[in-house]
All heavy atoms as atom14 arrays in JSON, in Angstrom:
{
  "sequence": "DAANVLSVSLPAGSQIVFDGAPTQLQSLSASGLTLASGELSVT",
  "atom14_mask": [
    [1, 1, 1, 1, 1, 1, 1, 1, 0, 0, 0, 0, 0, 0],
    [1, 1, 1, 1, 1, 0, 0, 0, 0, 0, 0, 0, 0, 0],
    [1, 1, 1, 1, 1, 0, 0, 0, 0, 0, 0, 0, 0, 0],
    [1, 1, 1, 1, 1, 1, 1, 1, 0, 0, 0, 0, 0, 0],
    [1, 1, 1, 1, 1, 1, 1, 0, 0, 0, 0, 0, 0, 0],
    [1, 1, 1, 1, 1, 1, 1, 1, 0, 0, 0, 0, 0, 0],
    [1, 1, 1, 1, 1, 1, 0, 0, 0, 0, 0, 0, 0, 0],
    [1, 1, 1, 1, 1, 1, 1, 0, 0, 0, 0, 0, 0, 0],
    [1, 1, 1, 1, 1, 1, 0, 0, 0, 0, 0, 0, 0, 0],
    [1, 1, 1, 1, 1, 1, 1, 1, 0, 0, 0, 0, 0, 0],
    [1, 1, 1, 1, 1, 1, 1, 0, 0, 0, 0, 0, 0, 0],
    [1, 1, 1, 1, 1, 0, 0, 0, 0, 0, 0, 0, 0, 0],
    [1, 1, 1, 1, 0, 0, 0, 0, 0, 0, 0, 0, 0, 0],
    [1, 1, 1, 1, 1, 1, 0, 0, 0, 0, 0, 0, 0, 0],
    [1, 1, 1, 1, 1, 1, 1, 1, 1, 0, 0, 0, 0, 0],
    [1, 1, 1, 1, 1, 1, 1, 1, 0, 0, 0, 0, 0, 0],
    [1, 1, 1, 1, 1, 1, 1, 0, 0, 0, 0, 0, 0, 0],
    [1, 1, 1, 1, 1, 1, 1, 1, 1, 1, 1, 0, 0, 0],
    [1, 1, 1, 1, 1, 1, 1, 1, 0, 0, 0, 0, 0, 0],
    [1, 1, 1, 1, 0, 0, 0, 0, 0, 0, 0, 0, 0, 0],
    [1, 1, 1, 1, 1, 0, 0, 0, 0, 0, 0, 0, 0, 0],
    [1, 1, 1, 1, 1, 1, 1, 0, 0, 0, 0, 0, 0, 0],
    [1, 1, 1, 1, 1, 1, 1, 0, 0, 0, 0, 0, 0, 0],
    [1, 1, 1, 1, 1, 1, 1, 1, 1, 0, 0, 0, 0, 0],
    [1, 1, 1, 1, 1, 1, 1, 1, 0, 0, 0, 0, 0, 0],
    [1, 1, 1, 1, 1, 1, 1, 1, 1, 0, 0, 0, 0, 0],
    [1, 1, 1, 1, 1, 1, 0, 0, 0, 0, 0, 0, 0, 0],
    [1, 1, 1, 1, 1, 1, 1, 1, 0, 0, 0, 0, 0, 0],
    [1, 1, 1, 1, 1, 1, 0, 0, 0, 0, 0, 0, 0, 0],
    [1, 1, 1, 1, 1, 0, 0, 0, 0, 0, 0, 0, 0, 0],
    [1, 1, 1, 1, 1, 1, 0, 0, 0, 0, 0, 0, 0, 0],
    [1, 1, 1, 1, 0, 0, 0, 0, 0, 0, 0, 0, 0, 0],
    [1, 1, 1, 1, 1, 1, 1, 1, 0, 0, 0, 0, 0, 0],
    [1, 1, 1, 1, 1, 1, 1, 0, 0, 0, 0, 0, 0, 0],
    [1, 1, 1, 1, 1, 1, 1, 1, 0, 0, 0, 0, 0, 0],
    [1, 1, 1, 1, 1, 0, 0, 0, 0, 0, 0, 0, 0, 0],
    [1, 1, 1, 1, 1, 1, 0, 0, 0, 0, 0, 0, 0, 0],
    [1, 1, 1, 1, 0, 0, 0, 0, 0, 0, 0, 0, 0, 0],
    [1, 1, 1, 1, 1, 1, 1, 1, 1, 0, 0, 0, 0, 0],
    [1, 1, 1, 1, 1, 1, 1, 1, 0, 0, 0, 0, 0, 0],
    [1, 1, 1, 1, 1, 1, 0, 0, 0, 0, 0, 0, 0, 0],
    [1, 1, 1, 1, 1, 1, 1, 0, 0, 0, 0, 0, 0, 0],
    [1, 1, 1, 1, 1, 1, 1, 0, 0, 0, 0, 0, 0, 0]
  ],
  "atom14_positions": [
    [[-1.09, -6.53, -6.02], [-2.42, -6.47, -6.62], [-3.26, -7.57, -5.99], [-2.78, -8.71, -5.86], [-2.32, -6.65, -8.13], [-3.64, -6.37, -8.84], [-4.59, -5.97, -8.16], [-3.69, -6.56, -10.07], [0.0, 0.0, 0.0], [0.0, 0.0, 0.0], [0.0, 0.0, 0.0], [0.0, 0.0, 0.0], [0.0, 0.0, 0.0], [0.0, 0.0, 0.0]],
    [[-4.47, -7.26, -5.63], [-5.33, -8.22, -4.94], [-4.61, -8.71, -3.68], [-4.22, -7.9, -2.85], [-5.74, -9.34, -5.86], [0.0, 0.0, 0.0], [0.0, 0.0, 0.0], [0.0, 0.0, 0.0], [0.0, 0.0, 0.0], [0.0, 0.0, 0.0], [0.0, 0.0, 0.0], [0.0, 0.0, 0.0], [0.0, 0.0, 0.0], [0.0, 0.0, 0.0]],
    [[-4.42, -10.05, -3.56], [-3.78, -10.59, -2.36], [-2.52, -11.36, -2.72], [-2.2, -12.38, -2.12], [-4.75, -11.48, -1.6], [0.0, 0.0, 0.0], [0.0, 0.0, 0.0], [0.0, 0.0, 0.0], [0.0, 0.0, 0.0], [0.0, 0.0, 0.0], [0.0, 0.0, 0.0], [0.0, 0.0, 0.0], [0.0, 0.0, 0.0], [0.0, 0.0, 0.0]],
    [[-1.77, -10.88, -3.72], [-0.65, -11.65, -4.23], [0.62, -11.55, -3.37], [1.52, -12.38, -3.51], [-0.33, -11.23, -5.67], [0.1, -9.77, -5.77], [-0.35, -8.95, -4.98], [0.94, -9.47, -6.74], [0.0, 0.0, 0.0], [0.0, 0.0, 0.0], [0.0, 0.0, 0.0], [0.0, 0.0, 0.0], [0.0, 0.0, 0.0], [0.0, 0.0, 0.0]],
    [[0.72, -10.55, -2.5], [1.89, -10.42, -1.64], [1.45, -10.2, -0.2], [0.35, -9.71, 0.06], [2.83, -9.27, -2.09], [3.35, -9.5, -3.5], [2.11, -7.93, -1.99], [0.0, 0.0, 0.0], [0.0, 0.0, 0.0], [0.0, 0.0, 0.0], [0.0, 0.0, 0.0], [0.0, 0.0, 0.0], [0.0, 0.0, 0.0], [0.0, 0.0, 0.0]],
    [[2.36, -10.55, 0.73], [2.04, -10.36, 2.15], [2.32, -8.94, 2.62], [1.58, -8.38, 3.42], [2.85, -11.35, 3.0], [2.48, -12.82, 2.88], [3.48, -13.68, 3.62], [1.07, -13.05, 3.41], [0.0, 0.0, 0.0], [0.0, 0.0, 0.0], [0.0, 0.0, 0.0], [0.0, 0.0, 0.0], [0.0, 0.0, 0.0], [0.0, 0.0, 0.0]],
    [[3.43, -8.36, 2.13], [3.83, -7.04, 2.62], [4.5, -6.26, 1.5], [4.82, -6.8, 0.44], [4.79, -7.18, 3.8], [6.0, -7.8, 3.4], [0.0, 0.0, 0.0], [0.0, 0.0, 0.0], [0.0, 0.0, 0.0], [0.0, 0.0, 0.0], [0.0, 0.0, 0.0], [0.0, 0.0, 0.0], [0.0, 0.0, 0.0], [0.0, 0.0, 0.0]],
    [[4.69, -4.97, 1.78], [5.3, -4.07, 0.81], [6.46, -3.36, 1.48], [6.36, -2.93, 2.65], [4.27, -3.05, 0.29], [4.96, -1.88, -0.4], [3.31, -3.72, -0.67], [0.0, 0.0, 0.0], [0.0, 0.0, 0.0], [0.0, 0.0, 0.0], [0.0, 0.0, 0.0], [0.0, 0.0, 0.0], [0.0, 0.0, 0.0], [0.0, 0.0, 0.0]],
    [[7.57, -3.22, 0.77], [8.72, -2.49, 1.27], [8.84, -1.18, 0.5], [9.03, -1.18, -0.72], [10.0, -3.31, 1.1], [11.14, -2.56, 1.49], [0.0, 0.0, 0.0], [0.0, 0.0, 0.0], [0.0, 0.0, 0.0], [0.0, 0.0, 0.0], [0.0, 0.0, 0.0], [0.0, 0.0, 0.0], [0.0, 0.0, 0.0], [0.0, 0.0, 0.0]],
    [[8.7, -0.07, 1.22], [8.83, 1.26, 0.62], [10.07, 1.94, 1.2], [10.35, 1.82, 2.39], [7.59, 2.11, 0.93], [6.26, 1.57, 0.42], [5.11, 2.44, 0.9], [6.26, 1.49, -1.11], [0.0, 0.0, 0.0], [0.0, 0.0, 0.0], [0.0, 0.0, 0.0], [0.0, 0.0, 0.0], [0.0, 0.0, 0.0], [0.0, 0.0, 0.0]],
    [[10.82, 2.68, 0.39], [12.05, 3.3, 0.88], [11.78, 4.39, 1.9], [10.72, 5.04, 1.89], [12.69, 3.86, -0.39], [11.56, 4.04, -1.34], [10.58, 2.96, -1.04], [0.0, 0.0, 0.0], [0.0, 0.0, 0.0], [0.0, 0.0, 0.0], [0.0, 0.0, 0.0], [0.0, 0.0, 0.0], [0.0, 0.0, 0.0], [0.0, 0.0, 0.0]],
    [[12.75, 4.6, 2.79], [12.63, 5.65, 3.8], [12.48, 7.01, 3.12], [13.14, 7.31, 2.13], [13.85, 5.64, 4.71], [0.0, 0.0, 0.0], [0.0, 0.0, 0.0], [0.0, 0.0, 0.0], [0.0, 0.0, 0.0], [0.0, 0.0, 0.0], [0.0, 0.0, 0.0], [0.0, 0.0, 0.0], [0.0, 0.0, 0.0], [0.0, 0.0, 0.0]],
    [[11.58, 7.84, 3.67], [11.37, 9.18, 3.14], [10.48, 9.26, 1.92], [10.27, 10.34, 1.37], [0.0, 0.0, 0.0], [0.0, 0.0, 0.0], [0.0, 0.0, 0.0], [0.0, 0.0, 0.0], [0.0, 0.0, 0.0], [0.0, 0.0, 0.0], [0.0, 0.0, 0.0], [0.0, 0.0, 0.0], [0.0, 0.0, 0.0], [0.0, 0.0, 0.0]],
    [[9.94, 8.13, 1.46], [9.12, 8.14, 0.26], [7.72, 8.65, 0.53], [7.21, 8.59, 1.65], [9.05, 6.72, -0.34], [8.46, 5.83, 0.6], [0.0, 0.0, 0.0], [0.0, 0.0, 0.0], [0.0, 0.0, 0.0], [0.0, 0.0, 0.0], [0.0, 0.0, 0.0], [0.0, 0.0, 0.0], [0.0, 0.0, 0.0], [0.0, 0.0, 0.0]],
    [[7.09, 9.18, -0.52], [5.71, 9.63, -0.47], [5.01, 9.02, -1.68], [5.12, 9.52, -2.8], [5.62, 11.16, -0.5], [4.19, 11.71, -0.4], [3.58, 11.48, 0.97], [4.21, 11.7, 1.99], [2.33, 11.03, 1.0], [0.0, 0.0, 0.0], [0.0, 0.0, 0.0], [0.0, 0.0, 0.0], [0.0, 0.0, 0.0], [0.0, 0.0, 0.0]],
    [[4.26, 7.93, -1.46], [3.67, 7.15, -2.53], [2.18, 7.46, -2.64], [1.52, 7.7, -1.63], [3.87, 5.63, -2.28], [5.34, 5.34, -1.95], [3.4, 4.83, -3.48], [6.32, 5.79, -3.0], [0.0, 0.0, 0.0], [0.0, 0.0, 0.0], [0.0, 0.0, 0.0], [0.0, 0.0, 0.0], [0.0, 0.0, 0.0], [0.0, 0.0, 0.0]],
    [[1.65, 7.44, -3.86], [0.23, 7.68, -4.1], [-0.43, 6.35, -4.44], [-0.11, 5.73, -5.47], [0.01, 8.68, -5.24], [-1.48, 8.86, -5.51], [0.66, 10.02, -4.92], [0.0, 0.0, 0.0], [0.0, 0.0, 0.0], [0.0, 0.0, 0.0], [0.0, 0.0, 0.0], [0.0, 0.0, 0.0], [0.0, 0.0, 0.0], [0.0, 0.0, 0.0]],
    [[-1.36, 5.9, -3.58], [-2.1, 4.68, -3.87], [-3.29, 5.01, -4.75], [-4.18, 5.77, -4.36], [-2.59, 4.01, -2.58], [-3.33, 2.72, -2.83], [-2.64, 1.52, -2.87], [-4.7, 2.71, -3.06], [-3.3, 0.33, -3.14], [-5.37, 1.53, -3.33], [-4.67, 0.34, -3.37], [0.0, 0.0, 0.0], [0.0, 0.0, 0.0], [0.0, 0.0, 0.0]],
    [[-3.32, 4.39, -5.94], [-4.41, 4.61, -6.89], [-4.74, 3.32, -7.62], [-5.26, 3.34, -8.73], [-4.03, 5.69, -7.91], [-2.8, 5.31, -8.73], [-2.09, 4.34, -8.34], [-2.54, 5.95, -9.76], [0.0, 0.0, 0.0], [0.0, 0.0, 0.0], [0.0, 0.0, 0.0], [0.0, 0.0, 0.0], [0.0, 0.0, 0.0], [0.0, 0.0, 0.0]],
    [[-4.43, 2.18, -6.98], [-4.54, 0.91, -7.67], [-5.86, 0.21, -7.46], [-6.79, 0.71, -6.84], [0.0, 0.0, 0.0], [0.0, 0.0, 0.0], [0.0, 0.0, 0.0], [0.0, 0.0, 0.0], [0.0, 0.0, 0.0], [0.0, 0.0, 0.0], [0.0, 0.0, 0.0], [0.0, 0.0, 0.0], [0.0, 0.0, 0.0], [0.0, 0.0, 0.0]],
    [[-5.91, -1.02, -8.03], [-7.05, -1.9, -7.84], [-7.09, -2.34, -6.38], [-6.1, -2.21, -5.65], [-6.93, -3.1, -8.77], [0.0, 0.0, 0.0], [0.0, 0.0, 0.0], [0.0, 0.0, 0.0], [0.0, 0.0, 0.0], [0.0, 0.0, 0.0], [0.0, 0.0, 0.0], [0.0, 0.0, 0.0], [0.0, 0.0, 0.0], [0.0, 0.0, 0.0]],
    [[-8.23, -2.87, -5.91], [-8.3, -3.33, -4.52], [-7.12, -4.25, -4.18], [-6.84, -5.22, -4.89], [-9.63, -4.07, -4.48], [-10.45, -3.4, -5.52], [-9.5, -3.04, -6.62], [0.0, 0.0, 0.0], [0.0, 0.0, 0.0], [0.0, 0.0, 0.0], [0.0, 0.0, 0.0], [0.0, 0.0, 0.0], [0.0, 0.0, 0.0], [0.0, 0.0, 0.0]],
    [[-6.43, -3.9, -3.1], [-5.21, -4.6, -2.72], [-5.28, -5.0, -1.26], [-5.71, -4.2, -0.41], [-3.98, -3.7, -2.95], [-3.91, -3.36, -4.34], [-2.69, -4.41, -2.54], [0.0, 0.0, 0.0], [0.0, 0.0, 0.0], [0.0, 0.0, 0.0], [0.0, 0.0, 0.0], [0.0, 0.0, 0.0], [0.0, 0.0, 0.0], [0.0, 0.0, 0.0]],
    [[-4.86, -6.24, -0.97], [-4.87, -6.74, 0.4], [-3.45, -7.07, 0.83], [-2.72, -7.79, 0.13], [-5.73, -8.0, 0.49], [-7.18, -7.8, 0.11], [-7.95, -9.11, 0.1], [-7.6, -10.05, 0.81], [-9.0, -9.17, -0.69], [0.0, 0.0, 0.0], [0.0, 0.0, 0.0], [0.0, 0.0, 0.0], [0.0, 0.0, 0.0], [0.0, 0.0, 0.0]],
    [[-3.07, -6.53, 2.01], [-1.74, -6.75, 2.55], [-1.84, -7.17, 4.0], [-2.75, -6.73, 4.72], [-0.88, -5.49, 2.44], [-0.64, -4.91, 1.04], [0.07, -3.57, 1.16], [0.16, -5.88, 0.18], [0.0, 0.0, 0.0], [0.0, 0.0, 0.0], [0.0, 0.0, 0.0], [0.0, 0.0, 0.0], [0.0, 0.0, 0.0], [0.0, 0.0, 0.0]],
    [[-0.88, -7.97, 4.43], [-0.81, -8.28, 5.84], [-0.18, -7.14, 6.62], [-0.6, -6.83, 7.72], [0.0, -9.57, 6.06], [-0.79, -10.64, 6.78], [0.02, -11.91, 6.97], [1.24, -11.89, 7.12], [-0.67, -13.02, 6.97], [0.0, 0.0, 0.0], [0.0, 0.0, 0.0], [0.0, 0.0, 0.0], [0.0, 0.0, 0.0], [0.0, 0.0, 0.0]],
    [[0.83, -6.5, 6.05], [1.5, -5.4, 6.74], [2.02, -4.39, 5.73], [2.36, -4.73, 4.59], [2.66, -5.92, 7.6], [3.66, -6.5, 6.79], [0.0, 0.0, 0.0], [0.0, 0.0, 0.0], [0.0, 0.0, 0.0], [0.0, 0.0, 0.0], [0.0, 0.0, 0.0], [0.0, 0.0, 0.0], [0.0, 0.0, 0.0], [0.0, 0.0, 0.0]],
    [[2.06, -3.15, 6.17], [2.58, -2.06, 5.35], [3.16, -1.0, 6.28], [2.5, -0.55, 7.22], [1.47, -1.44, 4.49], [1.81, -0.16, 3.71], [2.95, -0.42, 2.74], [0.59, 0.37, 2.98], [0.0, 0.0, 0.0], [0.0, 0.0, 0.0], [0.0, 0.0, 0.0], [0.0, 0.0, 0.0], [0.0, 0.0, 0.0], [0.0, 0.0, 0.0]],
    [[4.42, -0.63, 6.0], [5.07, 0.44, 6.74], [5.55, 1.47, 5.74], [6.26, 1.14, 4.78], [6.26, -0.11, 7.55], [6.92, 0.93, 8.23], [0.0, 0.0, 0.0], [0.0, 0.0, 0.0], [0.0, 0.0, 0.0], [0.0, 0.0, 0.0], [0.0, 0.0, 0.0], [0.0, 0.0, 0.0], [0.0, 0.0, 0.0], [0.0, 0.0, 0.0]],
    [[5.14, 2.74, 5.94], [5.45, 3.78, 4.96], [5.88, 5.06, 5.65], [5.35, 5.42, 6.71], [4.22, 4.04, 4.08], [0.0, 0.0, 0.0], [0.0, 0.0, 0.0], [0.0, 0.0, 0.0], [0.0, 0.0, 0.0], [0.0, 0.0, 0.0], [0.0, 0.0, 0.0], [0.0, 0.0, 0.0], [0.0, 0.0, 0.0], [0.0, 0.0, 0.0]],
    [[6.84, 5.74, 5.03], [7.17, 7.09, 5.5], [6.02, 8.03, 5.18], [5.64, 8.88, 5.99], [8.46, 7.58, 4.85], [9.56, 6.81, 5.25], [0.0, 0.0, 0.0], [0.0, 0.0, 0.0], [0.0, 0.0, 0.0], [0.0, 0.0, 0.0], [0.0, 0.0, 0.0], [0.0, 0.0, 0.0], [0.0, 0.0, 0.0], [0.0, 0.0, 0.0]],
    [[5.46, 7.88, 3.97], [4.33, 8.69, 3.58], [3.49, 8.0, 2.53], [4.02, 7.41, 1.59], [0.0, 0.0, 0.0], [0.0, 0.0, 0.0], [0.0, 0.0, 0.0], [0.0, 0.0, 0.0], [0.0, 0.0, 0.0], [0.0, 0.0, 0.0], [0.0, 0.0, 0.0], [0.0, 0.0, 0.0], [0.0, 0.0, 0.0], [0.0, 0.0, 0.0]],
    [[2.18, 8.04, 2.7], [1.27, 7.42, 1.73], [0.04, 8.29, 1.58], [-0.55, 8.75, 2.56], [0.86, 6.02, 2.18], [-0.03, 5.26, 1.19], [0.81, 4.75, 0.02], [-0.74, 4.1, 1.87], [0.0, 0.0, 0.0], [0.0, 0.0, 0.0], [0.0, 0.0, 0.0], [0.0, 0.0, 0.0], [0.0, 0.0, 0.0], [0.0, 0.0, 0.0]],
    [[-0.36, 8.52, 0.31], [-1.61, 9.21, 0.0], [-2.57, 8.23, -0.65], [-2.25, 7.63, -1.67], [-1.36, 10.39, -0.95], [-0.52, 11.35, -0.32], [-2.68, 11.06, -1.33], [0.0, 0.0, 0.0], [0.0, 0.0, 0.0], [0.0, 0.0, 0.0], [0.0, 0.0, 0.0], [0.0, 0.0, 0.0], [0.0, 0.0, 0.0], [0.0, 0.0, 0.0]],
    [[-3.74, 8.05, -0.06], [-4.78, 7.21, -0.64], [-5.67, 8.11, -1.48], [-6.44, 8.91, -0.94], [-5.57, 6.5, 0.46], [-6.67, 5.55, 0.01], [-6.12, 4.47, -0.91], [-7.36, 4.91, 1.21], [0.0, 0.0, 0.0], [0.0, 0.0, 0.0], [0.0, 0.0, 0.0], [0.0, 0.0, 0.0], [0.0, 0.0, 0.0], [0.0, 0.0, 0.0]],
    [[-5.54, 7.98, -2.82], [-6.23, 8.88, -3.73], [-7.43, 8.24, -4.41], [-8.3, 8.95, -4.92], [-5.26, 9.39, -4.79], [0.0, 0.0, 0.0], [0.0, 0.0, 0.0], [0.0, 0.0, 0.0], [0.0, 0.0, 0.0], [0.0, 0.0, 0.0], [0.0, 0.0, 0.0], [0.0, 0.0, 0.0], [0.0, 0.0, 0.0], [0.0, 0.0, 0.0]],
    [[-7.49, 6.89, -4.44], [-8.63, 6.2, -5.04], [-8.49, 4.72, -4.71], [-7.48, 4.26, -4.18], [-8.67, 6.41, -6.56], [-7.54, 5.82, -7.17], [0.0, 0.0, 0.0], [0.0, 0.0, 0.0], [0.0, 0.0, 0.0], [0.0, 0.0, 0.0], [0.0, 0.0, 0.0], [0.0, 0.0, 0.0], [0.0, 0.0, 0.0], [0.0, 0.0, 0.0]],
    [[-9.52, 3.94, -5.06], [-9.47, 2.5, -4.87], [-9.64, 2.09, -3.42], [-10.04, 2.89, -2.56], [0.0, 0.0, 0.0], [0.0, 0.0, 0.0], [0.0, 0.0, 0.0], [0.0, 0.0, 0.0], [0.0, 0.0, 0.0], [0.0, 0.0, 0.0], [0.0, 0.0, 0.0], [0.0, 0.0, 0.0], [0.0, 0.0, 0.0], [0.0, 0.0, 0.0]],
    [[-9.32, 0.83, -3.13], [-9.45, 0.29, -1.78], [-8.18, -0.42, -1.37], [-7.69, -1.3, -2.08], [-10.63, -0.68, -1.69], [-10.81, -1.26, -0.29], [-12.08, -2.07, -0.13], [-12.93, -2.01, -1.04], [-12.22, -2.76, 0.9], [0.0, 0.0, 0.0], [0.0, 0.0, 0.0], [0.0, 0.0, 0.0], [0.0, 0.0, 0.0], [0.0, 0.0, 0.0]],
    [[-7.67, -0.04, -0.22], [-6.48, -0.65, 0.34], [-6.85, -1.28, 1.67], [-7.37, -0.6, 2.57], [-5.38, 0.4, 0.55], [-4.09, -0.07, 1.23], [-3.4, -1.15, 0.4], [-3.15, 1.12, 1.46], [0.0, 0.0, 0.0], [0.0, 0.0, 0.0], [0.0, 0.0, 0.0], [0.0, 0.0, 0.0], [0.0, 0.0, 0.0], [0.0, 0.0, 0.0]],
    [[-6.58, -2.58, 1.79], [-6.88, -3.3, 3.02], [-5.56, -3.81, 3.61], [-4.84, -4.56, 2.94], [-7.83, -4.47, 2.75], [-8.06, -5.2, 3.93], [0.0, 0.0, 0.0], [0.0, 0.0, 0.0], [0.0, 0.0, 0.0], [0.0, 0.0, 0.0], [0.0, 0.0, 0.0], [0.0, 0.0, 0.0], [0.0, 0.0, 0.0], [0.0, 0.0, 0.0]],
    [[-5.26, -3.38, 4.85], [-4.0, -3.74, 5.49], [-4.3, -4.19, 6.92], [-4.95, -3.45, 7.68], [-3.01, -2.56, 5.52], [-1.66, -3.03, 6.06], [-2.85, -1.95, 4.13], [0.0, 0.0, 0.0], [0.0, 0.0, 0.0], [0.0, 0.0, 0.0], [0.0, 0.0, 0.0], [0.0, 0.0, 0.0], [0.0, 0.0, 0.0], [0.0, 0.0, 0.0]],
    [[-3.8, -5.37, 7.28], [-4.03, -5.85, 8.64], [-3.29, -4.98, 9.65], [-3.88, -4.52, 10.63], [-3.57, -7.32, 8.77], [-4.26, -8.1, 7.79], [-3.89, -7.86, 10.15], [0.0, 0.0, 0.0], [0.0, 0.0, 0.0], [0.0, 0.0, 0.0], [0.0, 0.0, 0.0], [0.0, 0.0, 0.0], [0.0, 0.0, 0.0], [0.0, 0.0, 0.0]]
  ]
}
């Protein structure tokens, strides 16, 4: 949430729905991600 973590670990083969508050990450690696609302910022 916000800028509280540097990165996110998602399991292989996952399909996650992003619907959260504005979130800032340094890195993100995903098998599958759907951006359905909100703002996601990833370097």
